[in-house]
Protein backbone atom coordinates (compact mmCIF):
# COMPACT_ATOMS: atom_id res chain seq x y z
CA GLY A 1 1.91 4.49 -8.00
CA LEU A 2 5.19 4.42 -9.62
CA ARG A 3 6.87 1.43 -10.83
CA CYS A 4 10.34 1.09 -9.83
CA MET A 5 12.23 -0.45 -12.76
CA ASP A 6 15.72 -2.11 -12.43
CA GLY A 7 18.02 -1.67 -15.79
CA PRO A 8 19.09 -3.52 -18.38
CA TYR A 9 21.51 -6.40 -18.65
CA ALA A 10 23.79 -5.76 -21.16
CA ASN A 11 25.10 -9.44 -22.34
CA PHE A 12 21.80 -10.48 -23.83
CA ARG A 13 23.58 -13.98 -24.39
CA ASP A 14 24.33 -14.88 -20.78
CA GLU A 15 20.79 -16.42 -19.54
CA SER A 16 22.43 -17.33 -16.16
CA GLY A 17 23.74 -13.84 -15.54
CA LEU A 18 20.50 -12.49 -16.49
CA VAL A 19 18.77 -14.94 -14.27
CA GLU A 20 21.08 -13.96 -11.27
CA VAL A 21 20.71 -10.24 -11.43
CA THR A 22 17.16 -10.50 -11.77
CA LYS A 23 16.42 -12.53 -8.86
CA ILE A 24 18.52 -10.01 -7.11
CA ALA A 25 16.25 -7.11 -8.52
CA ARG A 26 12.96 -8.91 -7.45
CA ALA A 27 14.48 -9.50 -3.99
CA LEU A 28 15.36 -5.85 -3.48
CA GLY A 29 11.69 -4.85 -4.47
CA PHE A 30 11.82 -3.96 -8.11
CA ASP A 31 8.70 -4.10 -10.17
CA GLY A 32 10.32 -5.28 -13.31
CA LYS A 33 13.28 -4.99 -15.48
CA GLN A 34 14.35 -3.40 -18.33
CA CYS A 35 15.43 -5.72 -21.46
CA ILE A 36 17.76 -4.65 -24.23
CA HIS A 37 17.00 -7.78 -26.48
CA PRO A 38 13.66 -9.74 -27.16
CA ALA A 39 15.86 -12.94 -25.80
CA GLN A 40 15.81 -11.45 -22.45
CA LEU A 41 11.77 -11.01 -22.07
CA ALA A 42 10.68 -14.87 -21.23
CA THR A 43 13.36 -15.11 -18.82
CA VAL A 44 12.48 -11.47 -16.94
CA ASN A 45 8.67 -12.08 -17.12
CA ASP A 46 9.15 -15.93 -15.42
CA LEU A 47 11.01 -14.16 -12.79
CA PHE A 48 8.71 -11.38 -12.06
CA ALA A 49 5.53 -13.33 -12.35
CA PRO A 50 3.50 -14.08 -9.39
CA ALA A 51 3.33 -17.51 -8.01
CA PRO A 52 0.47 -19.35 -9.45
CA ALA A 53 -0.90 -19.67 -5.85
CA ALA A 54 -0.44 -15.92 -5.42
CA VAL A 55 -2.54 -15.68 -8.53
CA GLU A 56 -5.30 -17.85 -7.33
CA ARG A 57 -5.56 -16.35 -3.85
CA ALA A 58 -6.06 -12.71 -5.59
CA GLN A 59 -8.59 -14.17 -7.90
CA ALA A 60 -10.55 -15.79 -4.96
CA VAL A 61 -10.24 -12.48 -3.19
CA VAL A 62 -11.70 -10.52 -6.33
CA ASP A 63 -14.28 -13.00 -6.53
CA ALA A 64 -15.55 -12.86 -3.00
CA TYR A 65 -15.51 -9.36 -2.91
CA GLU A 66 -17.71 -9.00 -6.02
CA ALA A 67 -19.85 -11.55 -4.60
CA ALA A 68 -20.32 -9.64 -1.37
CA MET A 69 -21.19 -6.26 -3.17
CA ALA A 70 -23.43 -8.04 -5.41
CA ALA A 71 -25.30 -9.37 -2.57
CA GLY A 72 -25.46 -5.94 -0.48
CA ARG A 73 -23.11 -6.94 2.13
CA GLY A 74 -20.32 -4.72 3.41
CA ALA A 75 -18.45 -7.03 5.06
CA ILE A 76 -16.13 -9.55 3.28
CA SER A 77 -14.43 -12.55 4.52
CA LEU A 78 -12.60 -15.33 2.78
CA ASP A 79 -11.13 -18.39 4.50
CA GLY A 80 -11.78 -16.68 8.11
CA LYS A 81 -9.99 -13.43 7.02
CA MET A 82 -11.71 -10.25 6.60
CA ILE A 83 -11.17 -8.60 3.17
CA ASP A 84 -10.99 -4.69 2.77
CA ALA A 85 -10.39 -2.30 0.13
CA ALA A 86 -6.65 -2.56 0.63
CA ASN A 87 -6.82 -6.32 0.07
CA LEU A 88 -8.67 -5.93 -3.26
CA ARG A 89 -6.26 -3.38 -4.73
CA MET A 90 -3.15 -5.78 -3.76
CA ALA A 91 -5.24 -8.60 -5.40
CA GLN A 92 -6.04 -6.52 -8.15
CA ALA A 93 -2.37 -5.96 -8.54
CA VAL A 94 -1.27 -9.53 -8.81
CA LEU A 95 -4.18 -9.91 -11.43
CA THR A 96 -3.04 -7.33 -13.29
CA ARG A 97 0.68 -8.16 -13.25
CA GLN A 98 -0.18 -11.90 -14.33
CA ARG A 99 -2.55 -10.32 -17.29
CA LEU A 100 0.49 -8.29 -18.71
CA ILE A 101 2.82 -10.88 -18.50
CA ASP A 102 0.68 -13.31 -20.30
CA ALA A 103 0.09 -10.74 -23.09
CA ALA A 104 3.93 -10.13 -23.72
């Protein structure tokens, strides 16, 4: 799907202002924020990065799904919960976001 990006914060020297508006953008559901200066990238990436626990869980979902497929099983569970294609897509999205942030 399409990503919803927040507009840039013009005062690239105002770190606390950038943090404040970026937190608001994330809370409103934006997928990211445009930057007008390289100095803003680390802050924006840190604030839009998935939590470490979310990355760990997403990797566990992908691993469980792949192991089940390799074993020829159609039903997949992890920690007593069923894993379906939608769970897999969400987990892959978390991992992709983290990979993109790591590559920046």
